[in-house]
Amino acid sequence: MATINRAAVFPGPGEKLEVKDVGVNHPAPGEALIRNHAVALQPLDAKMLVAGYGPAASLQYPAVLGTSGAGIIEELGEGVSQFQVGDRVVFDTKAYVDSEKNAKQGTWQQLVICETSAIAKIGDVAFEQAVLVDFPLQTAVAALHVFLGMEVPGSGEKKEKVLIWGAGGAVGSYAVQYAKHVGYTVVVTASPRDIERQKRLGASQVIDYRSADVVEDLRKSGPYKYMFTASGDADSQKALSTLLPDGGRFASVLPRGIELPPYIEVVYTAFSQAAQKEEYSDWRKWWYQKYLPEVLVEGILEPVKFTKIDGGLAALQQANQDVFDGKVRGKLLINPQE
């Protein structure tokens, strides 16, 4: 049984992380204790650490950041039958949803408590790939499926179109793949140098987001049943609203950033946290028990390129600063066990 646990503790906005020994928690009924072997650095976490960004989380300080990880189950609480000690899993916690559970469930630590309803078995899939896929894929699928109403894979019609603005990043790339798997024709905006990859992911048309004619080109290619800006910036929100002259809605990874007509709805929430809320329990069950294990184990999605940062928890402060400053291309990972 584990007796040592270290965490990168966030004292509060504007302060630096403190890596120190913390207590080892033990799982309550319906929970698991997981030895965490992979944490992916997310832009949201970097904003919270560096800039004190708060809309997406409910925290009390000191806090432990991070909501996703991948590792090995070390201990199970009473009543858990679907998992065994030694299972390799990817998981998401309520660290940003329930402040009282943050110290136990924040994933910037070596040993994490997680409710078993938010754990998925990964078989022999590498921890790094599992955690890299989970967070951005969940963001994309929650936005499209839960909040916009897109169907499950195999249920869409090819004659109808989906628009993904900002398809070059992780969330946008997974949104393209999901919409294609559902069965829709997918139109995206991305950099011209990314055309080949976008078409491999499932895009039928790639439009340069920097083009002066981008909105007109998108209009000619429409109409669209679903629209999602995976960049969330004001320019993308303005462009998508222009494509809805009679009103409508689109999803965005950032809140409304500009004044828009009252007949335009910007659908925004912390999409990656939806599975942690009870009103989405059916979605959570489908996600962890069916869809996520399926795409991981069967290799349905394109693997993610990443850079592993040495130093474990001690490397989180500078690595997140680099993510926040835009100095990083691709995804960064750390192993809390180092």
C-alpha atoms as a PDB file:
ATOM      1  CA  MET A   1       0.000   0.000   0.000  1.00  0.00           C
ATOM      2  CA  ALA A   2       1.317   3.433  -0.966  1.00  0.00           C
ATOM      3  CA  THR A   3       2.744   5.543   1.875  1.00  0.00           C
ATOM      4  CA  ILE A   4       4.245   8.522  -0.019  1.00  0.00           C
ATOM      5  CA  ASN A   5       2.578  11.036  -2.285  1.00  0.00           C
ATOM      6  CA  ARG A   6       3.959  14.252  -3.749  1.00  0.00           C
ATOM      7  CA  ALA A   7       1.983  17.038  -5.376  1.00  0.00           C
ATOM      8  CA  ALA A   8       2.540  20.347  -7.134  1.00  0.00           C
ATOM      9  CA  VAL A   9       0.429  22.569  -4.882  1.00  0.00           C
ATOM     10  CA  PHE A  10      -0.894  25.897  -6.197  1.00  0.00           C
ATOM     11  CA  PRO A  11      -1.011  28.330  -3.225  1.00  0.00           C
ATOM     12  CA  GLY A  12      -3.161  30.847  -5.090  1.00  0.00           C
ATOM     13  CA  PRO A  13      -3.380  33.220  -8.083  1.00  0.00           C
ATOM     14  CA  GLY A  14      -0.085  34.903  -8.828  1.00  0.00           C
ATOM     15  CA  GLU A  15       1.941  32.434  -6.767  1.00  0.00           C
ATOM     16  CA  LYS A  16       4.349  29.707  -7.820  1.00  0.00           C
ATOM     17  CA  LEU A  17       3.759  25.980  -7.517  1.00  0.00           C
ATOM     18  CA  GLU A  18       5.173  24.257  -4.452  1.00  0.00           C
ATOM     19  CA  VAL A  19       6.182  20.618  -4.925  1.00  0.00           C
ATOM     20  CA  LYS A  20       5.942  18.844  -1.588  1.00  0.00           C
ATOM     21  CA  ASP A  21       4.879  15.715   0.255  1.00  0.00           C
ATOM     22  CA  VAL A  22       1.160  15.453   0.863  1.00  0.00           C
ATOM     23  CA  GLY A  23      -0.940  12.763   2.462  1.00  0.00           C
ATOM     24  CA  VAL A  24      -1.877   9.520   0.749  1.00  0.00           C
ATOM     25  CA  ASN A  25      -5.635   9.336   0.356  1.00  0.00           C
ATOM     26  CA  HIS A  26      -7.570   6.094   0.244  1.00  0.00           C
ATOM     27  CA  PRO A  27     -10.600   5.453  -1.942  1.00  0.00           C
ATOM     28  CA  ALA A  28     -14.133   5.658  -0.600  1.00  0.00           C
ATOM     29  CA  PRO A  29     -16.850   3.359  -1.989  1.00  0.00           C
ATOM     30  CA  GLY A  30     -17.081   3.781  -5.755  1.00  0.00           C
ATOM     31  CA  GLU A  31     -13.595   5.307  -6.006  1.00  0.00           C
ATOM     32  CA  ALA A  32     -10.096   4.196  -7.026  1.00  0.00           C
ATOM     33  CA  LEU A  33      -6.606   5.285  -6.053  1.00  0.00           C
ATOM     34  CA  ILE A  34      -4.481   5.612  -9.196  1.00  0.00           C
ATOM     35  CA  ARG A  35      -0.718   5.957  -9.528  1.00  0.00           C
ATOM     36  CA  ASN A  36      -0.515   8.721 -12.095  1.00  0.00           C
ATOM     37  CA  HIS A  37       2.049   8.193 -14.858  1.00  0.00           C
ATOM     38  CA  ALA A  38       1.091  10.859 -17.411  1.00  0.00           C
ATOM     39  CA  VAL A  39      -0.247  14.403 -17.292  1.00  0.00           C
ATOM     40  CA  ALA A  40      -0.768  16.465 -20.431  1.00  0.00           C
ATOM     41  CA  LEU A  41      -0.355  20.223 -20.114  1.00  0.00           C
ATOM     42  CA  GLN A  42      -3.571  21.919 -21.187  1.00  0.00           C
ATOM     43  CA  PRO A  43      -4.004  25.591 -22.164  1.00  0.00           C
ATOM     44  CA  LEU A  44      -6.776  25.884 -19.570  1.00  0.00           C
ATOM     45  CA  ASP A  45      -4.473  24.787 -16.753  1.00  0.00           C
ATOM     46  CA  ALA A  46      -1.744  27.143 -17.954  1.00  0.00           C
ATOM     47  CA  LYS A  47      -4.195  30.064 -17.944  1.00  0.00           C
ATOM     48  CA  MET A  48      -5.281  29.207 -14.411  1.00  0.00           C
ATOM     49  CA  LEU A  49      -1.712  28.928 -13.129  1.00  0.00           C
ATOM     50  CA  VAL A  50      -0.135  31.874 -14.914  1.00  0.00           C
ATOM     51  CA  ALA A  51      -2.996  34.335 -15.354  1.00  0.00           C
ATOM     52  CA  GLY A  52      -5.467  33.380 -12.637  1.00  0.00           C
ATOM     53  CA  TYR A  53      -8.155  32.447 -15.170  1.00  0.00           C
ATOM     54  CA  GLY A  54     -11.216  31.305 -13.240  1.00  0.00           C
ATOM     55  CA  PRO A  55     -14.455  30.858 -15.256  1.00  0.00           C
ATOM     56  CA  ALA A  56     -13.931  27.156 -15.950  1.00  0.00           C
ATOM     57  CA  ALA A  57     -13.288  25.997 -12.388  1.00  0.00           C
ATOM     58  CA  SER A  58     -14.477  26.209  -8.810  1.00  0.00           C
ATOM     59  CA  LEU A  59     -11.390  26.283  -6.581  1.00  0.00           C
ATOM     60  CA  GLN A  60     -10.385  27.028  -3.030  1.00  0.00           C
ATOM     61  CA  TYR A  61      -6.700  27.589  -2.318  1.00  0.00           C
ATOM     62  CA  PRO A  62      -4.294  25.978  -1.877  1.00  0.00           C
ATOM     63  CA  ALA A  63      -5.330  23.766  -4.778  1.00  0.00           C
ATOM     64  CA  VAL A  64      -3.980  21.003  -7.002  1.00  0.00           C
ATOM     65  CA  LEU A  65      -4.494  21.705 -10.692  1.00  0.00           C
ATOM     66  CA  GLY A  66      -5.151  19.187 -13.448  1.00  0.00           C
ATOM     67  CA  THR A  67      -8.201  17.036 -14.090  1.00  0.00           C
ATOM     68  CA  SER A  68      -6.935  14.230 -16.356  1.00  0.00           C
ATOM     69  CA  GLY A  69      -4.299  11.551 -16.060  1.00  0.00           C
ATOM     70  CA  ALA A  70      -3.337   8.016 -16.987  1.00  0.00           C
ATOM     71  CA  GLY A  71      -1.853   5.340 -14.786  1.00  0.00           C
ATOM     72  CA  ILE A  72      -2.350   2.124 -12.831  1.00  0.00           C
ATOM     73  CA  ILE A  73      -5.017   1.396 -10.229  1.00  0.00           C
ATOM     74  CA  GLU A  74      -3.390   0.757  -6.839  1.00  0.00           C
ATOM     75  CA  GLU A  75      -6.406   0.484  -4.551  1.00  0.00           C
ATOM     76  CA  LEU A  76     -10.176   0.161  -4.924  1.00  0.00           C
ATOM     77  CA  GLY A  77     -12.986   1.299  -2.661  1.00  0.00           C
ATOM     78  CA  GLU A  78     -15.874  -0.862  -1.588  1.00  0.00           C
ATOM     79  CA  GLY A  79     -18.430  -1.879  -4.184  1.00  0.00           C
ATOM     80  CA  VAL A  80     -16.140  -1.585  -7.208  1.00  0.00           C
ATOM     81  CA  SER A  81     -16.370  -4.646  -9.426  1.00  0.00           C
ATOM     82  CA  GLN A  82     -15.669  -3.404 -12.958  1.00  0.00           C
ATOM     83  CA  PHE A  83     -11.971  -2.677 -12.263  1.00  0.00           C
ATOM     84  CA  GLN A  84      -9.087  -4.529 -10.637  1.00  0.00           C
ATOM     85  CA  VAL A  85      -5.879  -3.439  -8.955  1.00  0.00           C
ATOM     86  CA  GLY A  86      -3.270  -3.289 -11.713  1.00  0.00           C
ATOM     87  CA  ASP A  87      -5.620  -2.115 -14.464  1.00  0.00           C
ATOM     88  CA  ARG A  88      -4.094   0.444 -16.839  1.00  0.00           C
ATOM     89  CA  VAL A  89      -6.521   3.336 -17.169  1.00  0.00           C
ATOM     90  CA  VAL A  90      -7.128   6.897 -18.261  1.00  0.00           C
ATOM     91  CA  PHE A  91      -9.266   9.036 -15.986  1.00  0.00           C
ATOM     92  CA  ASP A  92     -10.870  12.423 -15.339  1.00  0.00           C
ATOM     93  CA  THR A  93     -11.727  13.890 -11.962  1.00  0.00           C
ATOM     94  CA  LYS A  94     -13.973  16.471 -10.342  1.00  0.00           C
ATOM     95  CA  ALA A  95     -10.992  18.611  -9.299  1.00  0.00           C
ATOM     96  CA  TYR A  96     -12.463  21.688 -11.020  1.00  0.00           C
ATOM     97  CA  VAL A  97     -16.112  20.887 -10.325  1.00  0.00           C
ATOM     98  CA  ASP A  98     -16.093  20.155  -6.583  1.00  0.00           C
ATOM     99  CA  SER A  99     -13.632  22.268  -4.586  1.00  0.00           C
ATOM    100  CA  GLU A 100     -13.930  19.967  -1.573  1.00  0.00           C
ATOM    101  CA  LYS A 101     -12.519  17.086  -3.645  1.00  0.00           C
ATOM    102  CA  ASN A 102      -9.755  19.089  -5.287  1.00  0.00           C
ATOM    103  CA  ALA A 103      -6.890  18.120  -2.958  1.00  0.00           C
ATOM    104  CA  LYS A 104      -7.566  14.407  -3.552  1.00  0.00           C
ATOM    105  CA  GLN A 105      -8.506  14.590  -7.226  1.00  0.00           C
ATOM    106  CA  GLY A 106      -6.241  17.226  -8.760  1.00  0.00           C
ATOM    107  CA  THR A 107      -3.968  15.324 -11.136  1.00  0.00           C
ATOM    108  CA  TRP A 108      -0.759  17.287 -10.636  1.00  0.00           C
ATOM    109  CA  GLN A 109       0.226  14.695  -8.048  1.00  0.00           C
ATOM    110  CA  GLN A 110       1.539  11.153  -7.937  1.00  0.00           C
ATOM    111  CA  LEU A 111      -1.485   9.409  -6.417  1.00  0.00           C
ATOM    112  CA  VAL A 112      -4.967  10.509  -7.440  1.00  0.00           C
ATOM    113  CA  ILE A 113      -8.420   9.601  -6.169  1.00  0.00           C
ATOM    114  CA  CYS A 114     -11.000   9.219  -8.935  1.00  0.00           C
ATOM    115  CA  GLU A 115     -14.603   8.087  -9.087  1.00  0.00           C
ATOM    116  CA  THR A 116     -14.742   4.865 -11.077  1.00  0.00           C
ATOM    117  CA  SER A 117     -17.569   6.205 -13.242  1.00  0.00           C
ATOM    118  CA  ALA A 118     -14.958   8.466 -14.886  1.00  0.00           C
ATOM    119  CA  ILE A 119     -12.301   5.850 -15.590  1.00  0.00           C
ATOM    120  CA  ALA A 120     -11.693   3.990 -18.851  1.00  0.00           C
ATOM    121  CA  LYS A 121      -9.514   0.923 -19.388  1.00  0.00           C
ATOM    122  CA  ILE A 122      -6.807   1.429 -22.010  1.00  0.00           C
ATOM    123  CA  GLY A 123      -5.332  -2.047 -22.434  1.00  0.00           C
ATOM    124  CA  ASP A 124      -1.801  -1.786 -23.808  1.00  0.00           C
ATOM    125  CA  VAL A 125      -2.194   1.771 -25.120  1.00  0.00           C
ATOM    126  CA  ALA A 126       0.637   4.019 -23.910  1.00  0.00           C
ATOM    127  CA  PHE A 127      -0.258   6.256 -20.968  1.00  0.00           C
ATOM    128  CA  GLU A 128       0.916   9.261 -22.966  1.00  0.00           C
ATOM    129  CA  GLN A 129      -1.402   8.601 -25.899  1.00  0.00           C
ATOM    130  CA  ALA A 130      -4.352   7.862 -23.634  1.00  0.00           C
ATOM    131  CA  VAL A 131      -4.144  11.117 -21.698  1.00  0.00           C
ATOM    132  CA  LEU A 132      -3.359  13.164 -24.813  1.00  0.00           C
ATOM    133  CA  VAL A 133      -6.476  11.872 -26.553  1.00  0.00           C
ATOM    134  CA  ASP A 134      -8.890  12.033 -23.613  1.00  0.00           C
ATOM    135  CA  PHE A 135      -9.001  15.748 -22.762  1.00  0.00           C
ATOM    136  CA  PRO A 136      -9.162  17.372 -26.219  1.00  0.00           C
ATOM    137  CA  LEU A 137     -11.328  14.610 -27.684  1.00  0.00           C
ATOM    138  CA  GLN A 138     -13.741  14.935 -24.777  1.00  0.00           C
ATOM    139  CA  THR A 139     -13.861  18.708 -25.290  1.00  0.00           C
ATOM    140  CA  ALA A 140     -14.647  18.299 -28.989  1.00  0.00           C
ATOM    141  CA  VAL A 141     -17.207  15.513 -28.611  1.00  0.00           C
ATOM    142  CA  ALA A 142     -18.965  17.169 -25.680  1.00  0.00           C
ATOM    143  CA  ALA A 143     -19.285  20.424 -27.631  1.00  0.00           C
ATOM    144  CA  LEU A 144     -20.648  18.714 -30.723  1.00  0.00           C
ATOM    145  CA  HIS A 145     -22.634  15.830 -29.237  1.00  0.00           C
ATOM    146  CA  VAL A 146     -23.821  16.979 -25.806  1.00  0.00           C
ATOM    147  CA  PHE A 147     -24.281  20.700 -26.356  1.00  0.00           C
ATOM    148  CA  LEU A 148     -25.034  21.026 -30.080  1.00  0.00           C
ATOM    149  CA  GLY A 149     -26.892  17.726 -30.416  1.00  0.00           C
ATOM    150  CA  MET A 150     -24.758  15.939 -33.005  1.00  0.00           C
ATOM    151  CA  GLU A 151     -25.445  12.224 -33.206  1.00  0.00           C
ATOM    152  CA  VAL A 152     -23.179   9.279 -32.356  1.00  0.00           C
ATOM    153  CA  PRO A 153     -20.846   7.801 -35.004  1.00  0.00           C
ATOM    154  CA  GLY A 154     -22.606   6.282 -37.997  1.00  0.00           C
ATOM    155  CA  SER A 155     -25.802   8.295 -37.539  1.00  0.00           C
ATOM    156  CA  GLY A 156     -25.161  11.363 -39.691  1.00  0.00           C
ATOM    157  CA  GLU A 157     -25.887  12.070 -43.352  1.00  0.00           C
ATOM    158  CA  LYS A 158     -23.096  12.854 -45.799  1.00  0.00           C
ATOM    159  CA  LYS A 159     -25.256  15.391 -47.650  1.00  0.00           C
ATOM    160  CA  GLU A 160     -25.225  17.617 -44.558  1.00  0.00           C
ATOM    161  CA  LYS A 161     -22.185  19.667 -43.593  1.00  0.00           C
ATOM    162  CA  VAL A 162     -20.313  20.559 -40.426  1.00  0.00           C
ATOM    163  CA  LEU A 163     -17.966  23.554 -40.095  1.00  0.00           C
ATOM    164  CA  ILE A 164     -14.959  23.367 -37.774  1.00  0.00           C
ATOM    165  CA  TRP A 165     -13.093  26.670 -37.445  1.00  0.00           C
ATOM    166  CA  GLY A 166      -9.522  26.313 -36.178  1.00  0.00           C
ATOM    167  CA  ALA A 167      -9.058  22.654 -37.040  1.00  0.00           C
ATOM    168  CA  GLY A 168      -5.278  22.722 -36.665  1.00  0.00           C
ATOM    169  CA  GLY A 169      -5.153  22.312 -32.881  1.00  0.00           C
ATOM    170  CA  ALA A 170      -5.887  19.205 -30.842  1.00  0.00           C
ATOM    171  CA  VAL A 171      -9.526  20.027 -30.101  1.00  0.00           C
ATOM    172  CA  GLY A 172     -10.204  21.083 -33.687  1.00  0.00           C
ATOM    173  CA  SER A 173      -8.520  17.998 -35.130  1.00  0.00           C
ATOM    174  CA  TYR A 174     -10.631  15.705 -32.961  1.00  0.00           C
ATOM    175  CA  ALA A 175     -13.774  17.643 -33.843  1.00  0.00           C
ATOM    176  CA  VAL A 176     -13.023  16.961 -37.516  1.00  0.00           C
ATOM    177  CA  GLN A 177     -12.522  13.259 -36.872  1.00  0.00           C
ATOM    178  CA  TYR A 178     -15.650  12.924 -34.758  1.00  0.00           C
ATOM    179  CA  ALA A 179     -17.878  14.752 -37.249  1.00  0.00           C
ATOM    180  CA  LYS A 180     -16.502  12.548 -40.028  1.00  0.00           C
ATOM    181  CA  HIS A 181     -17.119   9.383 -37.983  1.00  0.00           C
ATOM    182  CA  VAL A 182     -20.699  10.499 -37.358  1.00  0.00           C
ATOM    183  CA  GLY A 183     -21.120  10.634 -41.123  1.00  0.00           C
ATOM    184  CA  TYR A 184     -21.106  14.304 -42.087  1.00  0.00           C
ATOM    185  CA  THR A 185     -19.215  16.184 -44.785  1.00  0.00           C
ATOM    186  CA  VAL A 186     -16.703  18.325 -42.904  1.00  0.00           C
ATOM    187  CA  VAL A 187     -15.473  21.776 -43.956  1.00  0.00           C
ATOM    188  CA  VAL A 188     -12.640  23.322 -41.934  1.00  0.00           C
ATOM    189  CA  THR A 189     -10.494  26.401 -41.632  1.00  0.00           C
ATOM    190  CA  ALA A 190      -6.800  25.792 -41.081  1.00  0.00           C
ATOM    191  CA  SER A 191      -3.368  26.837 -42.291  1.00  0.00           C
ATOM    192  CA  PRO A 192      -2.516  25.997 -45.915  1.00  0.00           C
ATOM    193  CA  ARG A 193       0.409  23.902 -44.678  1.00  0.00           C
ATOM    194  CA  ASP A 194      -2.071  21.673 -42.832  1.00  0.00           C
ATOM    195  CA  ILE A 195      -4.255  20.794 -45.828  1.00  0.00           C
ATOM    196  CA  GLU A 196      -2.911  17.274 -46.349  1.00  0.00           C
ATOM    197  CA  ARG A 197      -3.317  16.308 -42.695  1.00  0.00           C
ATOM    198  CA  GLN A 198      -6.816  17.788 -42.451  1.00  0.00           C
ATOM    199  CA  LYS A 199      -7.981  15.780 -45.439  1.00  0.00           C
ATOM    200  CA  ARG A 200      -6.462  12.674 -43.903  1.00  0.00           C
ATOM    201  CA  LEU A 201      -8.446  13.369 -40.731  1.00  0.00           C
ATOM    202  CA  GLY A 202     -11.678  13.642 -42.690  1.00  0.00           C
ATOM    203  CA  ALA A 203     -12.073  17.184 -44.011  1.00  0.00           C
ATOM    204  CA  SER A 204     -13.521  17.422 -47.498  1.00  0.00           C
ATOM    205  CA  GLN A 205     -12.555  21.087 -47.878  1.00  0.00           C
ATOM    206  CA  VAL A 206      -9.868  23.171 -46.171  1.00  0.00           C
ATOM    207  CA  ILE A 207     -10.114  26.948 -46.282  1.00  0.00           C
ATOM    208  CA  ASP A 208      -7.299  29.281 -45.222  1.00  0.00           C
ATOM    209  CA  TYR A 209      -8.509  31.074 -42.081  1.00  0.00           C
ATOM    210  CA  ARG A 210      -6.241  34.028 -42.891  1.00  0.00           C
ATOM    211  CA  SER A 211      -7.699  34.582 -46.354  1.00  0.00           C
ATOM    212  CA  ALA A 212      -9.518  37.873 -46.919  1.00  0.00           C
ATOM    213  CA  ASP A 213     -12.302  35.849 -48.542  1.00  0.00           C
ATOM    214  CA  VAL A 214     -12.616  33.223 -45.830  1.00  0.00           C
ATOM    215  CA  VAL A 215     -16.180  34.125 -44.821  1.00  0.00           C
ATOM    216  CA  GLU A 216     -17.393  34.293 -48.410  1.00  0.00           C
ATOM    217  CA  ASP A 217     -15.708  30.989 -49.231  1.00  0.00           C
ATOM    218  CA  LEU A 218     -17.362  29.384 -46.200  1.00  0.00           C
ATOM    219  CA  ARG A 219     -20.728  30.804 -47.182  1.00  0.00           C
ATOM    220  CA  LYS A 220     -20.431  29.325 -50.663  1.00  0.00           C
ATOM    221  CA  SER A 221     -19.604  25.925 -49.161  1.00  0.00           C
ATOM    222  CA  GLY A 222     -22.531  25.960 -46.706  1.00  0.00           C
ATOM    223  CA  PRO A 223     -25.056  25.761 -45.243  1.00  0.00           C
ATOM    224  CA  TYR A 224     -23.937  23.938 -42.111  1.00  0.00           C
ATOM    225  CA  LYS A 225     -25.936  21.831 -39.697  1.00  0.00           C
ATOM    226  CA  TYR A 226     -23.364  22.329 -36.934  1.00  0.00           C
ATOM    227  CA  MET A 227     -20.621  24.925 -36.434  1.00  0.00           C
ATOM    228  CA  PHE A 228     -17.835  24.906 -33.864  1.00  0.00           C
ATOM    229  CA  THR A 229     -14.911  27.278 -33.326  1.00  0.00           C
ATOM    230  CA  ALA A 230     -12.074  25.326 -31.767  1.00  0.00           C
ATOM    231  CA  SER A 231     -10.012  28.507 -31.482  1.00  0.00           C
ATOM    232  CA  GLY A 232     -12.769  30.522 -29.822  1.00  0.00           C
ATOM    233  CA  ASP A 233     -11.257  33.909 -30.669  1.00  0.00           C
ATOM    234  CA  ALA A 234     -13.310  36.978 -31.509  1.00  0.00           C
ATOM    235  CA  ASP A 235     -12.526  36.807 -35.232  1.00  0.00           C
ATOM    236  CA  SER A 236     -13.855  33.256 -35.462  1.00  0.00           C
ATOM    237  CA  GLN A 237     -17.005  34.142 -33.533  1.00  0.00           C
ATOM    238  CA  LYS A 238     -17.648  37.100 -35.820  1.00  0.00           C
ATOM    239  CA  ALA A 239     -17.123  34.962 -38.915  1.00  0.00           C
ATOM    240  CA  LEU A 240     -19.459  32.200 -37.764  1.00  0.00           C
ATOM    241  CA  SER A 241     -22.157  34.664 -36.756  1.00  0.00           C
ATOM    242  CA  THR A 242     -21.962  36.165 -40.252  1.00  0.00           C
ATOM    243  CA  LEU A 243     -22.892  32.752 -41.622  1.00  0.00           C
ATOM    244  CA  LEU A 244     -26.142  32.865 -39.622  1.00  0.00           C
ATOM    245  CA  PRO A 245     -28.044  35.855 -41.088  1.00  0.00           C
ATOM    246  CA  ASP A 246     -31.371  34.431 -39.897  1.00  0.00           C
ATOM    247  CA  GLY A 247     -30.086  33.510 -36.462  1.00  0.00           C
ATOM    248  CA  GLY A 248     -28.750  30.326 -34.953  1.00  0.00           C
ATOM    249  CA  ARG A 249     -25.993  29.054 -32.751  1.00  0.00           C
ATOM    250  CA  PHE A 250     -22.478  27.690 -32.746  1.00  0.00           C
ATOM    251  CA  ALA A 251     -20.209  26.228 -30.069  1.00  0.00           C
ATOM    252  CA  SER A 252     -16.993  27.908 -28.939  1.00  0.00           C
ATOM    253  CA  VAL A 253     -14.129  26.881 -26.664  1.00  0.00           C
ATOM    254  CA  LEU A 254     -14.089  30.451 -25.312  1.00  0.00           C
ATOM    255  CA  PRO A 255     -16.930  32.643 -24.053  1.00  0.00           C
ATOM    256  CA  ARG A 256     -18.510  35.288 -26.257  1.00  0.00           C
ATOM    257  CA  GLY A 257     -15.681  37.665 -27.066  1.00  0.00           C
ATOM    258  CA  ILE A 258     -17.462  40.380 -29.074  1.00  0.00           C
ATOM    259  CA  GLU A 259     -20.844  42.004 -29.331  1.00  0.00           C
ATOM    260  CA  LEU A 260     -23.055  39.852 -31.530  1.00  0.00           C
ATOM    261  CA  PRO A 261     -26.673  40.198 -32.675  1.00  0.00           C
ATOM    262  CA  PRO A 262     -29.227  38.959 -30.115  1.00  0.00           C
ATOM    263  CA  TYR A 263     -30.364  36.210 -32.469  1.00  0.00           C
ATOM    264  CA  ILE A 264     -26.910  34.558 -32.322  1.00  0.00           C
ATOM    265  CA  GLU A 265     -26.235  32.083 -29.506  1.00  0.00           C
ATOM    266  CA  VAL A 266     -22.649  31.250 -28.572  1.00  0.00           C
ATOM    267  CA  VAL A 267     -22.711  27.878 -26.847  1.00  0.00           C
ATOM    268  CA  TYR A 268     -19.884  27.894 -24.313  1.00  0.00           C
ATOM    269  CA  THR A 269     -19.129  25.985 -21.136  1.00  0.00           C
ATOM    270  CA  ALA A 270     -16.254  23.951 -19.742  1.00  0.00           C
ATOM    271  CA  PHE A 271     -16.973  21.167 -22.244  1.00  0.00           C
ATOM    272  CA  SER A 272     -14.264  18.915 -20.810  1.00  0.00           C
ATOM    273  CA  GLN A 273     -16.008  18.959 -17.408  1.00  0.00           C
ATOM    274  CA  ALA A 274     -19.446  17.910 -18.656  1.00  0.00           C
ATOM    275  CA  ALA A 275     -18.915  14.249 -17.813  1.00  0.00           C
ATOM    276  CA  GLN A 276     -18.325  15.196 -14.170  1.00  0.00           C
ATOM    277  CA  LYS A 277     -21.819  16.620 -13.773  1.00  0.00           C
ATOM    278  CA  GLU A 278     -24.757  14.428 -12.840  1.00  0.00           C
ATOM    279  CA  GLU A 279     -27.092  15.901 -15.445  1.00  0.00           C
ATOM    280  CA  TYR A 280     -24.825  14.335 -18.066  1.00  0.00           C
ATOM    281  CA  SER A 281     -24.575  10.895 -16.437  1.00  0.00           C
ATOM    282  CA  ASP A 282     -25.825   9.105 -19.578  1.00  0.00           C
ATOM    283  CA  TRP A 283     -23.129  10.835 -21.640  1.00  0.00           C
ATOM    284  CA  ARG A 284     -20.517   9.932 -19.004  1.00  0.00           C
ATOM    285  CA  LYS A 285     -21.459   6.265 -19.137  1.00  0.00           C
ATOM    286  CA  TRP A 286     -21.264   6.188 -22.951  1.00  0.00           C
ATOM    287  CA  TRP A 287     -17.966   8.075 -22.939  1.00  0.00           C
ATOM    288  CA  TYR A 288     -15.996   5.975 -20.431  1.00  0.00           C
ATOM    289  CA  GLN A 289     -17.553   2.573 -20.983  1.00  0.00           C
ATOM    290  CA  LYS A 290     -17.937   2.581 -24.757  1.00  0.00           C
ATOM    291  CA  TYR A 291     -16.575   5.378 -26.918  1.00  0.00           C
ATOM    292  CA  LEU A 292     -13.259   6.315 -25.277  1.00  0.00           C
ATOM    293  CA  PRO A 293     -12.028   2.705 -24.737  1.00  0.00           C
ATOM    294  CA  GLU A 294     -13.087   1.888 -28.296  1.00  0.00           C
ATOM    295  CA  VAL A 295     -11.190   4.718 -29.972  1.00  0.00           C
ATOM    296  CA  LEU A 296      -8.099   4.110 -27.836  1.00  0.00           C
ATOM    297  CA  VAL A 297      -7.824   0.336 -28.050  1.00  0.00           C
ATOM    298  CA  GLU A 298      -8.868   0.079 -31.703  1.00  0.00           C
ATOM    299  CA  GLY A 299      -6.663   2.972 -32.774  1.00  0.00           C
ATOM    300  CA  ILE A 300      -9.514   4.754 -34.539  1.00  0.00           C
ATOM    301  CA  LEU A 301      -7.993   8.210 -34.137  1.00  0.00           C
ATOM    302  CA  GLU A 302      -4.685   9.508 -35.418  1.00  0.00           C
ATOM    303  CA  PRO A 303      -1.912   9.309 -32.776  1.00  0.00           C
ATOM    304  CA  VAL A 304      -0.876  12.545 -31.115  1.00  0.00           C
ATOM    305  CA  LYS A 305       2.639  13.923 -31.427  1.00  0.00           C
ATOM    306  CA  PHE A 306       4.055  15.175 -28.140  1.00  0.00           C
ATOM    307  CA  THR A 307       7.159  16.232 -26.250  1.00  0.00           C
ATOM    308  CA  LYS A 308       7.877  14.754 -22.836  1.00  0.00           C
ATOM    309  CA  ILE A 309       9.356  17.229 -20.362  1.00  0.00           C
ATOM    310  CA  ASP A 310      11.809  15.746 -17.875  1.00  0.00           C
ATOM    311  CA  GLY A 311      11.673  16.671 -14.215  1.00  0.00           C
ATOM    312  CA  GLY A 312       8.196  15.508 -13.269  1.00  0.00           C
ATOM    313  CA  LEU A 313       6.132  17.788 -11.038  1.00  0.00           C
ATOM    314  CA  ALA A 314       9.019  20.245 -10.627  1.00  0.00           C
ATOM    315  CA  ALA A 315       8.888  21.001 -14.354  1.00  0.00           C
ATOM    316  CA  LEU A 316       5.235  22.076 -14.356  1.00  0.00           C
ATOM    317  CA  GLN A 317       5.759  25.756 -13.498  1.00  0.00           C
ATOM    318  CA  GLN A 318       8.083  26.599 -16.387  1.00  0.00           C
ATOM    319  CA  ALA A 319       6.397  24.250 -18.843  1.00  0.00           C
ATOM    320  CA  ASN A 320       3.025  25.886 -18.233  1.00  0.00           C
ATOM    321  CA  GLN A 321       4.597  29.316 -18.593  1.00  0.00           C
ATOM    322  CA  ASP A 322       5.916  28.250 -21.997  1.00  0.00           C
ATOM    323  CA  VAL A 323       2.458  26.999 -23.003  1.00  0.00           C
ATOM    324  CA  PHE A 324       0.882  30.271 -21.861  1.00  0.00           C
ATOM    325  CA  ASP A 325       3.489  32.354 -23.729  1.00  0.00           C
ATOM    326  CA  GLY A 326       2.867  30.449 -26.963  1.00  0.00           C
ATOM    327  CA  LYS A 327       6.408  29.082 -27.110  1.00  0.00           C
ATOM    328  CA  VAL A 328       5.254  25.504 -27.552  1.00  0.00           C
ATOM    329  CA  ARG A 329       4.209  23.700 -30.714  1.00  0.00           C
ATOM    330  CA  GLY A 330       2.365  20.480 -30.093  1.00  0.00           C
ATOM    331  CA  LYS A 331       1.549  18.883 -26.758  1.00  0.00           C
ATOM    332  CA  LEU A 332       3.701  18.625 -23.638  1.00  0.00           C
ATOM    333  CA  LEU A 333       3.641  15.819 -21.075  1.00  0.00           C
ATOM    334  CA  ILE A 334       5.164  15.155 -17.682  1.00  0.00           C
ATOM    335  CA  ASN A 335       5.374  12.004 -15.575  1.00  0.00           C
ATOM    336  CA  PRO A 336       4.514  12.819 -11.931  1.00  0.00           C
ATOM    337  CA  GLN A 337       6.508   9.775 -10.769  1.00  0.00           C
ATOM    338  CA  GLU A 338       9.852  11.319 -11.761  1.00  0.00           C
END
